[in-house]
Amino acid sequence: MASQSRKGFFNWMFSPAPTGESVSEVTIGDRFQHRHSRASVWVVERISKVGASTYPLVSLSREGRPDIKKVVSIAVLQDGEDFKPAA
C-alpha cells in the first residue's frame, strides 16, 4: 500500500509542468480587486517564470500606492477565487 502512494507521489512530482495554461489571460497593466476588499485595486507590474514554481509569479502594485506590493502565483489570479478583474 505504501509503495502505491509513493508511486503516485513520484508520478505527480515528475509529471510535466503545465504549459502556462492561458498565461495570456493575465498581462502587464491588468487590474484586479481582492474579492473580500473592493477598496484596493492591484495592477500587474511583472510576470516572472521562477524555476521553483510550477506557475509564473505575478508582481502587483496597489493603484495609487505603488510602494505597496504583492507577489502571487498567476494561478491565483486565473482561478478567480481571491481576485477578480477590476471594473
Protein backbone atom coordinates (compact mmCIF):
# COMPACT_ATOMS: atom_id res chain seq x y z
CA MET A 1 0.00 0.00 0.00
CA ALA A 2 2.80 2.45 0.89
CA SER A 3 4.55 1.74 -2.41
CA GLN A 4 1.37 2.69 -4.29
CA SER A 5 1.18 6.09 -2.59
CA ARG A 6 4.91 6.66 -3.23
CA LYS A 7 4.42 5.79 -6.88
CA GLY A 8 1.54 8.28 -7.14
CA PHE A 9 3.63 10.94 -5.43
CA PHE A 10 6.56 10.39 -7.81
CA ASN A 11 4.26 10.50 -10.83
CA TRP A 12 2.83 13.77 -9.56
CA MET A 13 6.27 15.19 -8.70
CA PHE A 14 7.84 14.37 -12.04
CA SER A 15 4.90 14.91 -14.35
CA PRO A 16 5.39 17.66 -16.94
CA ALA A 17 4.63 21.13 -15.67
CA PRO A 18 1.56 22.87 -17.03
CA THR A 19 2.30 24.73 -20.21
CA GLY A 20 1.32 28.08 -18.79
CA GLU A 21 -2.36 27.43 -19.29
CA SER A 22 -3.79 30.72 -20.50
CA VAL A 23 -0.91 32.85 -19.23
CA SER A 24 -2.01 35.31 -21.90
CA GLU A 25 -5.16 35.96 -19.85
CA VAL A 26 -3.05 37.95 -17.38
CA THR A 27 -0.90 40.70 -18.86
CA ILE A 28 1.12 43.62 -17.57
CA GLY A 29 -1.19 46.53 -16.75
CA ASP A 30 -4.20 44.33 -15.90
CA ARG A 31 -6.11 45.49 -12.83
CA PHE A 32 -7.54 43.21 -10.14
CA GLN A 33 -9.55 43.63 -6.95
CA HIS A 34 -9.45 41.31 -3.99
CA ARG A 35 -12.85 39.64 -3.71
CA HIS A 36 -13.14 40.48 0.01
CA SER A 37 -11.95 44.10 -0.17
CA ARG A 38 -13.08 46.29 -3.03
CA ALA A 39 -11.22 49.35 -1.76
CA SER A 40 -7.87 48.39 -3.32
CA VAL A 41 -7.08 47.85 -6.97
CA TRP A 42 -3.92 45.91 -7.80
CA VAL A 43 -2.04 46.42 -11.09
CA VAL A 44 0.12 43.73 -12.72
CA GLU A 45 3.69 45.07 -12.92
CA ARG A 46 5.66 41.96 -13.87
CA ILE A 47 5.18 38.29 -14.70
CA SER A 48 8.19 36.13 -13.84
CA LYS A 49 8.92 32.48 -14.50
CA VAL A 50 10.66 31.01 -11.47
CA GLY A 51 12.28 27.58 -11.52
CA ALA A 52 10.95 26.68 -8.07
CA SER A 53 7.33 27.40 -9.04
CA THR A 54 5.10 25.47 -11.41
CA TYR A 55 3.29 28.67 -12.37
CA PRO A 56 4.74 32.10 -13.14
CA LEU A 57 4.69 34.62 -10.31
CA VAL A 58 2.94 37.97 -10.74
CA SER A 59 4.12 41.17 -9.08
CA LEU A 60 1.25 43.50 -8.23
CA SER A 61 1.36 47.09 -7.02
CA ARG A 62 -1.51 48.90 -5.38
CA GLU A 63 -3.07 51.54 -7.60
CA GLY A 64 -2.34 54.99 -6.19
CA ARG A 65 0.22 53.50 -3.75
CA PRO A 66 2.99 51.94 -5.90
CA ASP A 67 5.11 51.42 -2.77
CA ILE A 68 2.71 48.66 -1.64
CA LYS A 69 3.37 45.38 -3.46
CA LYS A 70 2.14 41.78 -3.56
CA VAL A 71 3.52 38.70 -5.30
CA VAL A 72 1.09 35.90 -6.16
CA SER A 73 1.03 32.90 -8.43
CA ILE A 74 -0.61 33.52 -11.79
CA ALA A 75 -2.95 30.62 -10.89
CA VAL A 76 -4.36 32.72 -8.02
CA LEU A 77 -5.41 35.43 -10.47
CA GLN A 78 -6.73 32.96 -13.02
CA ASP A 79 -8.87 30.85 -10.70
CA GLY A 80 -10.92 33.89 -9.64
CA GLU A 81 -11.35 32.72 -6.07
CA ASP A 82 -9.39 35.52 -4.35
CA PHE A 83 -9.10 38.15 -7.08
CA LYS A 84 -11.38 39.36 -9.86
CA PRO A 85 -10.74 41.79 -12.71
CA ALA A 86 -11.31 45.38 -11.58
CA ALA A 87 -14.19 47.24 -13.14
